[in-house]
């Protein structure tokens, strides 16, 4: 049984938080769609430029048409394969795939996922007593450390923030699964 939240009540639910750029919702027994990106896949100057073009400030509601357009443009930019694209290296892609699968069935159900050259899309059902933020942190910290060893480099590997969206209903779930499955078909 899927846990579905009503949009009008989501700010009242304990679990909403932000780390400065994107709002996040963390809840037990919830389907979550997550995208995390390599550190250079969408440069901060691109985000600043897009925000300026759309007149987005810190006070802009993330549900506004401007914020939604910002997300659409960021997705379009990342799908163009900007940056080092380390995830197209087989050893790095395997590392990320194994990290995603490691706690499958233990902390979450891994529903659908895809590893693109510069970003990763994941759909999971988070289990009781586990938080989305701790799950994503474990994926990113482990893979960053190991990938930097493989690449014989130091420094940032992943972008600090990640995008997450809770799944509202069965229709939304089907759309997200299709989006993830179709993402590799986009031109990169």
N, C-alpha and C. Protein backbone atom coordinates (compact mmCIF):
# COMPACT_ATOMS: atom_id res chain seq x y z
N UNK A 1 0.85 -1.18 0.00
CA UNK A 1 0.00 0.00 0.00
C UNK A 1 0.89 1.24 0.00
N UNK A 2 0.66 2.12 -0.93
CA UNK A 2 1.48 3.32 -1.04
C UNK A 2 0.95 4.40 -0.09
N UNK A 3 1.86 5.06 0.63
CA UNK A 3 1.52 6.17 1.49
C UNK A 3 1.46 7.43 0.63
N UNK A 4 0.31 8.08 0.60
CA UNK A 4 0.12 9.26 -0.24
C UNK A 4 -0.15 10.46 0.66
N UNK A 5 0.49 11.59 0.34
CA UNK A 5 0.29 12.82 1.10
C UNK A 5 -0.57 13.78 0.31
N UNK A 6 -1.35 14.55 1.02
CA UNK A 6 -2.13 15.59 0.37
C UNK A 6 -1.28 16.85 0.29
N UNK A 7 -1.23 17.45 -0.89
CA UNK A 7 -0.40 18.63 -1.15
C UNK A 7 -0.68 19.75 -0.14
N UNK A 8 -1.96 19.98 0.20
CA UNK A 8 -2.29 21.11 1.06
C UNK A 8 -1.80 20.91 2.50
N UNK A 9 -1.48 19.69 2.91
CA UNK A 9 -1.04 19.43 4.27
C UNK A 9 0.46 19.24 4.41
N UNK A 10 1.20 19.31 3.32
CA UNK A 10 2.58 18.88 3.39
C UNK A 10 3.48 19.76 4.25
N UNK A 11 3.17 21.03 4.41
CA UNK A 11 4.01 21.88 5.26
C UNK A 11 3.75 21.64 6.74
N UNK A 12 2.62 21.03 7.08
CA UNK A 12 2.29 20.75 8.46
C UNK A 12 2.95 19.47 8.96
N UNK A 13 3.42 18.66 8.05
CA UNK A 13 3.97 17.36 8.41
C UNK A 13 5.42 17.52 8.82
N UNK A 14 5.76 16.98 9.96
CA UNK A 14 7.14 17.01 10.40
C UNK A 14 7.97 16.22 9.40
N UNK A 15 9.05 16.77 8.98
CA UNK A 15 9.87 16.09 8.00
C UNK A 15 10.30 17.01 6.87
N UNK A 16 9.67 18.18 6.74
CA UNK A 16 10.12 19.14 5.73
C UNK A 16 11.35 19.85 6.25
N UNK A 17 12.37 19.94 5.41
CA UNK A 17 13.57 20.66 5.79
C UNK A 17 14.27 21.15 4.53
N UNK A 18 15.21 22.04 4.71
CA UNK A 18 16.00 22.54 3.60
C UNK A 18 17.43 22.71 4.07
N UNK A 19 18.33 22.61 3.11
CA UNK A 19 19.73 22.88 3.41
C UNK A 19 20.17 24.10 2.62
N UNK A 20 19.21 24.97 2.29
CA UNK A 20 19.55 26.23 1.66
C UNK A 20 19.15 26.37 0.21
N UNK A 21 19.06 25.29 -0.54
CA UNK A 21 18.76 25.42 -1.96
C UNK A 21 17.44 24.78 -2.31
N UNK A 22 17.23 23.54 -1.92
CA UNK A 22 16.01 22.82 -2.27
C UNK A 22 15.29 22.36 -1.01
N UNK A 23 13.95 22.38 -1.04
CA UNK A 23 13.20 21.80 0.08
C UNK A 23 13.22 20.27 -0.06
N UNK A 24 13.23 19.58 1.07
CA UNK A 24 13.22 18.12 1.09
C UNK A 24 12.12 17.66 2.04
N UNK A 25 11.52 16.52 1.71
CA UNK A 25 10.54 15.93 2.59
C UNK A 25 11.00 14.53 2.94
N UNK A 26 11.04 14.24 4.22
CA UNK A 26 11.50 12.94 4.68
C UNK A 26 10.40 12.31 5.52
N UNK A 27 9.99 11.11 5.15
CA UNK A 27 8.91 10.43 5.85
C UNK A 27 9.10 8.94 5.72
N UNK A 28 8.66 8.22 6.73
CA UNK A 28 8.73 6.76 6.68
C UNK A 28 7.69 6.23 5.70
N UNK A 29 7.98 5.07 5.12
CA UNK A 29 7.05 4.37 4.24
C UNK A 29 6.54 5.27 3.12
N UNK A 30 7.44 5.94 2.44
CA UNK A 30 7.06 6.86 1.40
C UNK A 30 7.89 6.60 0.15
N UNK A 31 7.23 6.64 -1.00
CA UNK A 31 7.96 6.55 -2.25
C UNK A 31 8.61 7.90 -2.52
N UNK A 32 9.88 7.87 -2.86
CA UNK A 32 10.63 9.09 -3.13
C UNK A 32 11.38 8.96 -4.44
N UNK A 33 11.30 10.02 -5.25
CA UNK A 33 12.07 10.13 -6.48
C UNK A 33 13.24 11.06 -6.17
N UNK A 34 14.46 10.59 -6.43
CA UNK A 34 15.67 11.34 -6.09
C UNK A 34 16.55 11.48 -7.33
N UNK A 35 17.10 12.67 -7.50
CA UNK A 35 18.12 12.89 -8.51
C UNK A 35 19.33 13.51 -7.82
N UNK A 36 20.49 12.91 -8.02
CA UNK A 36 21.71 13.54 -7.54
C UNK A 36 22.70 13.61 -8.70
N UNK A 37 23.52 14.67 -8.67
CA UNK A 37 24.33 15.04 -9.82
C UNK A 37 25.80 15.15 -9.46
N UNK A 38 26.65 14.93 -10.47
CA UNK A 38 28.07 15.20 -10.29
C UNK A 38 28.27 16.69 -10.02
N UNK A 39 29.32 17.01 -9.31
CA UNK A 39 29.58 18.37 -8.85
C UNK A 39 29.60 19.40 -9.98
N UNK A 40 29.97 18.99 -11.18
CA UNK A 40 30.11 19.95 -12.28
C UNK A 40 29.04 19.81 -13.35
N UNK A 41 27.98 19.06 -13.06
CA UNK A 41 26.95 18.80 -14.07
C UNK A 41 26.07 20.02 -14.35
N UNK A 42 25.83 20.83 -13.34
CA UNK A 42 25.09 22.08 -13.49
C UNK A 42 25.84 23.12 -12.66
N UNK A 43 26.76 23.85 -13.28
CA UNK A 43 27.57 24.81 -12.53
C UNK A 43 26.72 25.85 -11.80
N UNK A 44 27.20 26.30 -10.65
CA UNK A 44 26.45 27.26 -9.85
C UNK A 44 26.18 28.55 -10.62
N UNK A 45 27.10 28.96 -11.51
CA UNK A 45 26.84 30.18 -12.28
C UNK A 45 25.67 30.00 -13.24
N UNK A 46 25.45 28.78 -13.71
CA UNK A 46 24.29 28.49 -14.57
C UNK A 46 23.01 28.62 -13.74
N UNK A 47 23.02 28.08 -12.54
CA UNK A 47 21.85 28.16 -11.67
C UNK A 47 21.56 29.62 -11.32
N UNK A 48 22.59 30.38 -11.00
CA UNK A 48 22.41 31.81 -10.69
C UNK A 48 21.82 32.54 -11.89
N UNK A 49 22.34 32.26 -13.08
CA UNK A 49 21.83 32.90 -14.30
C UNK A 49 20.37 32.54 -14.52
N UNK A 50 20.03 31.26 -14.36
CA UNK A 50 18.64 30.84 -14.54
C UNK A 50 17.72 31.50 -13.52
N UNK A 51 18.16 31.58 -12.28
CA UNK A 51 17.37 32.24 -11.25
C UNK A 51 17.16 33.70 -11.58
N UNK A 52 18.21 34.37 -12.07
CA UNK A 52 18.09 35.78 -12.46
C UNK A 52 17.09 35.94 -13.61
N UNK A 53 17.20 35.08 -14.62
CA UNK A 53 16.29 35.13 -15.77
C UNK A 53 14.84 34.96 -15.35
N UNK A 54 14.61 34.11 -14.36
CA UNK A 54 13.25 33.81 -13.90
C UNK A 54 12.83 34.67 -12.70
N UNK A 55 13.69 35.60 -12.29
CA UNK A 55 13.43 36.49 -11.15
C UNK A 55 13.12 35.71 -9.87
N UNK A 56 13.89 34.66 -9.64
CA UNK A 56 13.70 33.83 -8.45
C UNK A 56 14.59 34.35 -7.32
N UNK A 57 13.97 34.53 -6.16
CA UNK A 57 14.70 34.96 -4.97
C UNK A 57 14.54 33.88 -3.90
N UNK A 58 15.14 34.10 -2.74
CA UNK A 58 14.99 33.15 -1.62
C UNK A 58 13.55 33.07 -1.15
N UNK A 59 12.74 34.08 -1.45
CA UNK A 59 11.35 34.10 -1.01
C UNK A 59 10.41 33.44 -2.02
N UNK A 60 10.91 33.05 -3.18
CA UNK A 60 10.06 32.44 -4.20
C UNK A 60 9.56 31.08 -3.73
N UNK A 61 8.27 30.88 -3.80
CA UNK A 61 7.65 29.61 -3.41
C UNK A 61 8.10 28.52 -4.37
N UNK A 62 8.56 27.39 -3.84
CA UNK A 62 9.07 26.32 -4.69
C UNK A 62 7.96 25.67 -5.51
N UNK A 63 6.69 25.96 -5.21
CA UNK A 63 5.58 25.44 -6.02
C UNK A 63 5.17 26.43 -7.12
N UNK A 64 5.81 27.58 -7.17
CA UNK A 64 5.44 28.59 -8.16
C UNK A 64 5.85 28.16 -9.56
N UNK A 65 5.21 28.78 -10.56
CA UNK A 65 5.54 28.47 -11.95
C UNK A 65 7.01 28.79 -12.26
N UNK A 66 7.58 29.78 -11.58
CA UNK A 66 8.97 30.16 -11.82
C UNK A 66 9.93 29.08 -11.32
N UNK A 67 9.64 28.57 -10.14
CA UNK A 67 10.49 27.53 -9.56
C UNK A 67 10.38 26.24 -10.37
N UNK A 68 9.17 25.93 -10.82
CA UNK A 68 8.96 24.74 -11.65
C UNK A 68 9.72 24.88 -12.96
N UNK A 69 9.70 26.07 -13.53
CA UNK A 69 10.46 26.32 -14.77
C UNK A 69 11.96 26.21 -14.51
N UNK A 70 12.43 26.68 -13.36
CA UNK A 70 13.84 26.53 -13.00
C UNK A 70 14.23 25.07 -12.99
N UNK A 71 13.42 24.23 -12.35
CA UNK A 71 13.71 22.80 -12.30
C UNK A 71 13.73 22.18 -13.69
N UNK A 72 12.79 22.59 -14.55
CA UNK A 72 12.74 22.08 -15.91
C UNK A 72 14.02 22.43 -16.67
N UNK A 73 14.48 23.66 -16.50
CA UNK A 73 15.69 24.10 -17.20
C UNK A 73 16.95 23.41 -16.66
N UNK A 74 16.99 23.18 -15.37
CA UNK A 74 18.13 22.46 -14.79
C UNK A 74 18.17 21.03 -15.33
N UNK A 75 17.02 20.39 -15.39
CA UNK A 75 16.93 19.02 -15.92
C UNK A 75 17.38 19.01 -17.38
N UNK A 76 16.92 19.98 -18.15
CA UNK A 76 17.32 20.07 -19.56
C UNK A 76 18.83 20.24 -19.69
N UNK A 77 19.41 21.08 -18.84
CA UNK A 77 20.85 21.32 -18.86
C UNK A 77 21.61 20.04 -18.52
N UNK A 78 21.20 19.35 -17.45
CA UNK A 78 21.92 18.14 -17.04
C UNK A 78 21.83 17.05 -18.11
N UNK A 79 20.70 16.98 -18.81
CA UNK A 79 20.53 15.96 -19.84
C UNK A 79 21.41 16.20 -21.06
N UNK A 80 22.00 17.38 -21.15
CA UNK A 80 22.93 17.67 -22.26
C UNK A 80 24.33 17.12 -22.00
N UNK A 81 24.54 16.52 -20.83
CA UNK A 81 25.80 15.85 -20.55
C UNK A 81 26.96 16.81 -20.27
N UNK A 82 26.69 17.90 -19.54
CA UNK A 82 27.73 18.86 -19.21
C UNK A 82 28.64 18.29 -18.12
N UNK A 83 29.88 18.68 -18.13
CA UNK A 83 30.82 18.32 -17.07
C UNK A 83 31.66 17.11 -17.41
N UNK A 84 32.34 16.59 -16.41
CA UNK A 84 33.29 15.48 -16.60
C UNK A 84 32.60 14.16 -16.96
N UNK A 85 31.36 14.00 -16.60
CA UNK A 85 30.58 12.79 -16.94
C UNK A 85 31.29 11.50 -16.50
N UNK A 86 31.79 11.50 -15.27
CA UNK A 86 32.50 10.34 -14.74
C UNK A 86 31.63 9.08 -14.69
N UNK A 87 30.31 9.25 -14.66
CA UNK A 87 29.43 8.09 -14.53
C UNK A 87 29.35 7.26 -15.81
N UNK A 88 29.93 7.76 -16.89
CA UNK A 88 29.98 6.95 -18.11
C UNK A 88 31.16 5.98 -18.10
N UNK A 89 32.02 6.12 -17.10
CA UNK A 89 33.13 5.17 -16.91
C UNK A 89 32.55 3.93 -16.23
N UNK A 90 32.75 2.78 -16.83
CA UNK A 90 32.10 1.55 -16.35
C UNK A 90 32.38 1.27 -14.87
N UNK A 91 33.61 1.43 -14.43
CA UNK A 91 33.94 1.14 -13.03
C UNK A 91 33.19 2.08 -12.08
N UNK A 92 33.00 3.33 -12.47
CA UNK A 92 32.29 4.30 -11.62
C UNK A 92 30.78 3.98 -11.64
N UNK A 93 30.24 3.68 -12.81
CA UNK A 93 28.83 3.32 -12.91
C UNK A 93 28.53 2.07 -12.09
N UNK A 94 29.41 1.07 -12.16
CA UNK A 94 29.24 -0.15 -11.38
C UNK A 94 29.27 0.15 -9.88
N UNK A 95 30.16 1.03 -9.47
CA UNK A 95 30.27 1.42 -8.07
C UNK A 95 28.95 2.03 -7.59
N UNK A 96 28.39 2.95 -8.37
CA UNK A 96 27.13 3.59 -8.01
C UNK A 96 25.99 2.57 -8.01
N UNK A 97 25.93 1.73 -9.01
CA UNK A 97 24.90 0.70 -9.08
C UNK A 97 24.95 -0.20 -7.84
N UNK A 98 26.13 -0.64 -7.46
CA UNK A 98 26.27 -1.51 -6.29
C UNK A 98 25.88 -0.79 -5.00
N UNK A 99 26.17 0.50 -4.92
CA UNK A 99 25.78 1.28 -3.73
C UNK A 99 24.26 1.38 -3.64
N UNK A 100 23.60 1.60 -4.78
CA UNK A 100 22.14 1.68 -4.78
C UNK A 100 21.52 0.35 -4.36
N UNK A 101 22.10 -0.74 -4.79
CA UNK A 101 21.55 -2.06 -4.50
C UNK A 101 21.90 -2.58 -3.10
N UNK A 102 22.92 -1.99 -2.46
CA UNK A 102 23.45 -2.53 -1.22
C UNK A 102 22.39 -2.66 -0.11
N UNK A 103 21.58 -1.63 0.11
CA UNK A 103 20.57 -1.67 1.16
C UNK A 103 19.16 -1.92 0.63
N UNK A 104 19.07 -2.33 -0.64
CA UNK A 104 17.77 -2.67 -1.21
C UNK A 104 17.17 -3.84 -0.42
N UNK A 105 15.95 -3.66 0.04
CA UNK A 105 15.30 -4.68 0.85
C UNK A 105 15.61 -4.59 2.33
N UNK A 106 16.55 -3.72 2.70
CA UNK A 106 16.93 -3.54 4.11
C UNK A 106 16.50 -2.18 4.64
N UNK A 107 16.83 -1.11 3.90
CA UNK A 107 16.45 0.25 4.30
C UNK A 107 15.39 0.85 3.37
N UNK A 108 15.28 0.26 2.20
CA UNK A 108 14.35 0.76 1.19
C UNK A 108 14.14 -0.32 0.14
N UNK A 109 13.07 -0.16 -0.62
CA UNK A 109 12.86 -0.95 -1.83
C UNK A 109 13.31 -0.09 -3.00
N UNK A 110 14.21 -0.61 -3.78
CA UNK A 110 14.69 0.07 -4.98
C UNK A 110 13.69 -0.26 -6.09
N UNK A 111 12.93 0.73 -6.51
CA UNK A 111 11.85 0.52 -7.47
C UNK A 111 12.38 0.65 -8.91
N UNK A 112 13.06 1.75 -9.18
CA UNK A 112 13.57 2.04 -10.53
C UNK A 112 14.76 2.97 -10.38
N UNK A 113 15.72 2.85 -11.30
CA UNK A 113 16.89 3.72 -11.24
C UNK A 113 17.56 3.74 -12.60
N UNK A 114 18.34 4.81 -12.82
CA UNK A 114 19.15 4.91 -14.03
C UNK A 114 20.38 5.75 -13.70
N UNK A 115 21.49 5.35 -14.24
CA UNK A 115 22.74 6.10 -14.08
C UNK A 115 23.06 6.72 -15.42
N UNK A 116 23.03 8.04 -15.46
CA UNK A 116 23.34 8.80 -16.66
C UNK A 116 24.80 9.27 -16.57
N UNK A 117 25.36 9.85 -17.62
CA UNK A 117 26.77 10.26 -17.57
C UNK A 117 27.12 11.23 -16.44
N UNK A 118 26.17 12.12 -16.06
CA UNK A 118 26.50 13.11 -15.04
C UNK A 118 25.47 13.21 -13.91
N UNK A 119 24.51 12.30 -13.88
CA UNK A 119 23.52 12.31 -12.80
C UNK A 119 22.87 10.93 -12.65
N UNK A 120 22.16 10.77 -11.54
CA UNK A 120 21.51 9.50 -11.22
C UNK A 120 20.06 9.80 -10.82
N UNK A 121 19.12 9.01 -11.35
CA UNK A 121 17.73 9.08 -10.94
C UNK A 121 17.40 7.79 -10.21
N UNK A 122 16.73 7.90 -9.06
CA UNK A 122 16.37 6.74 -8.26
C UNK A 122 14.96 6.91 -7.72
N UNK A 123 14.19 5.84 -7.76
CA UNK A 123 12.88 5.79 -7.13
C UNK A 123 12.93 4.69 -6.09
N UNK A 124 12.69 5.07 -4.83
CA UNK A 124 12.72 4.10 -3.74
C UNK A 124 11.50 4.25 -2.84
N UNK A 125 11.21 3.18 -2.13
CA UNK A 125 10.23 3.23 -1.04
C UNK A 125 11.05 3.14 0.24
N UNK A 126 11.05 4.21 1.00
CA UNK A 126 11.84 4.28 2.23
C UNK A 126 11.14 3.49 3.33
N UNK A 127 11.89 2.63 4.02
CA UNK A 127 11.33 1.82 5.10
C UNK A 127 11.26 2.63 6.40
N UNK A 128 10.41 2.13 7.27
CA UNK A 128 10.25 2.72 8.60
C UNK A 128 11.60 2.79 9.31
N UNK A 129 11.82 3.84 10.07
CA UNK A 129 13.03 4.06 10.86
C UNK A 129 14.25 4.46 10.04
N UNK A 130 14.09 4.74 8.75
CA UNK A 130 15.19 5.21 7.92
C UNK A 130 14.79 6.52 7.26
N UNK A 131 15.73 7.41 7.13
CA UNK A 131 15.43 8.70 6.51
C UNK A 131 16.03 8.77 5.11
N UNK A 132 15.33 9.47 4.24
CA UNK A 132 15.83 9.66 2.89
C UNK A 132 17.18 10.36 2.91
N UNK A 133 17.31 11.38 3.73
CA UNK A 133 18.57 12.13 3.75
C UNK A 133 19.75 11.24 4.17
N UNK A 134 19.55 10.33 5.11
CA UNK A 134 20.65 9.44 5.51
C UNK A 134 20.96 8.43 4.42
N UNK A 135 19.95 7.97 3.70
CA UNK A 135 20.16 7.03 2.61
C UNK A 135 20.96 7.69 1.49
N UNK A 136 20.52 8.87 1.06
CA UNK A 136 21.22 9.58 -0.02
C UNK A 136 22.64 9.94 0.42
N UNK A 137 22.78 10.37 1.68
CA UNK A 137 24.12 10.69 2.18
C UNK A 137 25.04 9.46 2.10
N UNK A 138 24.53 8.29 2.47
CA UNK A 138 25.38 7.09 2.43
C UNK A 138 25.77 6.76 0.99
N UNK A 139 24.83 6.88 0.04
CA UNK A 139 25.17 6.64 -1.37
C UNK A 139 26.27 7.59 -1.82
N UNK A 140 26.05 8.88 -1.54
CA UNK A 140 26.96 9.89 -2.07
C UNK A 140 28.34 9.86 -1.40
N UNK A 141 28.37 9.71 -0.09
CA UNK A 141 29.67 9.75 0.59
C UNK A 141 30.52 8.53 0.23
N UNK A 142 29.91 7.34 0.22
CA UNK A 142 30.67 6.15 -0.12
C UNK A 142 31.16 6.20 -1.57
N UNK A 143 30.25 6.50 -2.49
CA UNK A 143 30.64 6.49 -3.91
C UNK A 143 31.63 7.60 -4.24
N UNK A 144 31.52 8.74 -3.59
CA UNK A 144 32.47 9.83 -3.84
C UNK A 144 33.87 9.40 -3.43
N UNK A 145 33.98 8.83 -2.26
CA UNK A 145 35.28 8.38 -1.76
C UNK A 145 35.89 7.33 -2.69
N UNK A 146 35.10 6.33 -3.04
CA UNK A 146 35.61 5.25 -3.88
C UNK A 146 35.88 5.70 -5.32
N UNK A 147 35.02 6.54 -5.86
CA UNK A 147 35.21 7.03 -7.22
C UNK A 147 36.47 7.88 -7.31
N UNK A 148 36.70 8.72 -6.31
CA UNK A 148 37.92 9.54 -6.33
C UNK A 148 39.17 8.66 -6.28
N UNK A 149 39.10 7.55 -5.56
CA UNK A 149 40.24 6.61 -5.56
C UNK A 149 40.45 6.01 -6.94
N UNK A 150 39.37 5.58 -7.57
CA UNK A 150 39.47 5.00 -8.91
C UNK A 150 40.03 6.01 -9.90
N UNK A 151 39.57 7.25 -9.78
CA UNK A 151 39.99 8.32 -10.71
C UNK A 151 41.33 8.95 -10.32
N UNK A 152 41.86 8.54 -9.17
CA UNK A 152 43.11 9.09 -8.64
C UNK A 152 43.03 10.62 -8.57
N UNK A 153 41.95 11.09 -7.93
CA UNK A 153 41.74 12.52 -7.77
C UNK A 153 41.23 12.80 -6.38
N UNK A 154 41.19 14.06 -6.00
CA UNK A 154 40.63 14.51 -4.73
C UNK A 154 39.63 15.60 -5.03
N UNK A 155 38.81 15.88 -4.05
CA UNK A 155 37.86 16.98 -4.19
C UNK A 155 36.43 16.51 -4.35
N UNK A 156 35.58 17.50 -4.65
CA UNK A 156 34.16 17.22 -4.78
C UNK A 156 33.91 16.20 -5.88
N UNK A 157 32.94 15.36 -5.64
CA UNK A 157 32.49 14.42 -6.66
C UNK A 157 31.03 14.69 -7.00
N UNK A 158 30.18 14.78 -5.96
CA UNK A 158 28.75 15.05 -6.14
C UNK A 158 28.43 16.50 -5.80
N UNK A 159 27.39 17.02 -6.44
CA UNK A 159 26.84 18.32 -6.06
C UNK A 159 26.28 18.17 -4.64
N UNK A 160 26.42 19.21 -3.84
CA UNK A 160 25.99 19.15 -2.44
C UNK A 160 24.51 18.79 -2.32
N UNK A 161 23.67 19.47 -3.04
CA UNK A 161 22.23 19.23 -2.96
C UNK A 161 21.80 18.08 -3.85
N UNK A 162 20.65 17.54 -3.56
CA UNK A 162 20.00 16.57 -4.42
C UNK A 162 18.55 17.00 -4.55
N UNK A 163 17.90 16.54 -5.60
CA UNK A 163 16.50 16.84 -5.83
C UNK A 163 15.69 15.64 -5.37
N UNK A 164 14.64 15.88 -4.60
CA UNK A 164 13.76 14.78 -4.23
C UNK A 164 12.32 15.22 -4.36
N UNK A 165 11.49 14.26 -4.66
CA UNK A 165 10.06 14.53 -4.80
C UNK A 165 9.32 13.30 -4.28
N UNK A 166 8.41 13.51 -3.31
CA UNK A 166 7.63 12.39 -2.82
C UNK A 166 6.56 12.06 -3.86
N UNK A 167 6.19 10.82 -3.95
CA UNK A 167 5.20 10.37 -4.93
C UNK A 167 3.81 10.54 -4.33
N UNK A 168 2.98 11.30 -5.02
CA UNK A 168 1.66 11.67 -4.49
C UNK A 168 0.59 10.61 -4.68
N UNK A 169 0.64 9.89 -5.81
CA UNK A 169 -0.40 8.91 -6.08
C UNK A 169 0.09 7.92 -7.14
N UNK A 170 -0.75 6.99 -7.50
CA UNK A 170 -0.37 5.94 -8.47
C UNK A 170 -0.04 6.51 -9.85
N UNK A 171 -0.76 7.54 -10.27
CA UNK A 171 -0.50 8.17 -11.57
C UNK A 171 0.89 8.81 -11.56
N UNK A 172 1.21 9.51 -10.48
CA UNK A 172 2.53 10.13 -10.35
C UNK A 172 3.62 9.05 -10.35
N UNK A 173 3.36 7.95 -9.65
CA UNK A 173 4.31 6.84 -9.60
C UNK A 173 4.60 6.32 -11.02
N UNK A 174 3.55 6.10 -11.79
CA UNK A 174 3.72 5.60 -13.16
C UNK A 174 4.50 6.59 -14.03
N UNK A 175 4.22 7.89 -13.87
CA UNK A 175 4.93 8.92 -14.65
C UNK A 175 6.41 8.94 -14.31
N UNK A 176 6.74 8.81 -13.03
CA UNK A 176 8.15 8.84 -12.61
C UNK A 176 8.88 7.60 -13.13
N UNK A 177 8.25 6.44 -13.04
CA UNK A 177 8.87 5.22 -13.56
C UNK A 177 9.16 5.37 -15.05
N UNK A 178 8.20 5.89 -15.80
CA UNK A 178 8.39 6.10 -17.25
C UNK A 178 9.50 7.11 -17.50
N UNK A 179 9.53 8.19 -16.71
CA UNK A 179 10.57 9.20 -16.87
C UNK A 179 11.96 8.57 -16.68
N UNK A 180 12.12 7.79 -15.65
CA UNK A 180 13.41 7.15 -15.38
C UNK A 180 13.77 6.19 -16.51
N UNK A 181 12.81 5.41 -16.94
CA UNK A 181 13.09 4.45 -18.02
C UNK A 181 13.43 5.15 -19.34
N UNK A 182 12.79 6.29 -19.59
CA UNK A 182 13.02 7.02 -20.85
C UNK A 182 14.25 7.93 -20.81
N UNK A 183 14.79 8.23 -19.65
CA UNK A 183 15.90 9.17 -19.55
C UNK A 183 17.09 8.80 -20.42
N UNK A 184 17.48 7.54 -20.51
CA UNK A 184 18.63 7.20 -21.37
C UNK A 184 18.37 7.45 -22.87
N UNK A 185 17.11 7.57 -23.25
CA UNK A 185 16.79 7.80 -24.65
C UNK A 185 16.99 9.26 -25.07
N UNK A 186 17.15 10.15 -24.07
CA UNK A 186 17.38 11.55 -24.37
C UNK A 186 18.78 11.72 -24.93
N UNK A 187 18.97 12.71 -25.76
CA UNK A 187 20.28 12.98 -26.36
C UNK A 187 21.24 13.47 -25.29
N UNK A 188 22.37 12.82 -25.18
CA UNK A 188 23.41 13.23 -24.23
C UNK A 188 24.69 13.43 -25.00
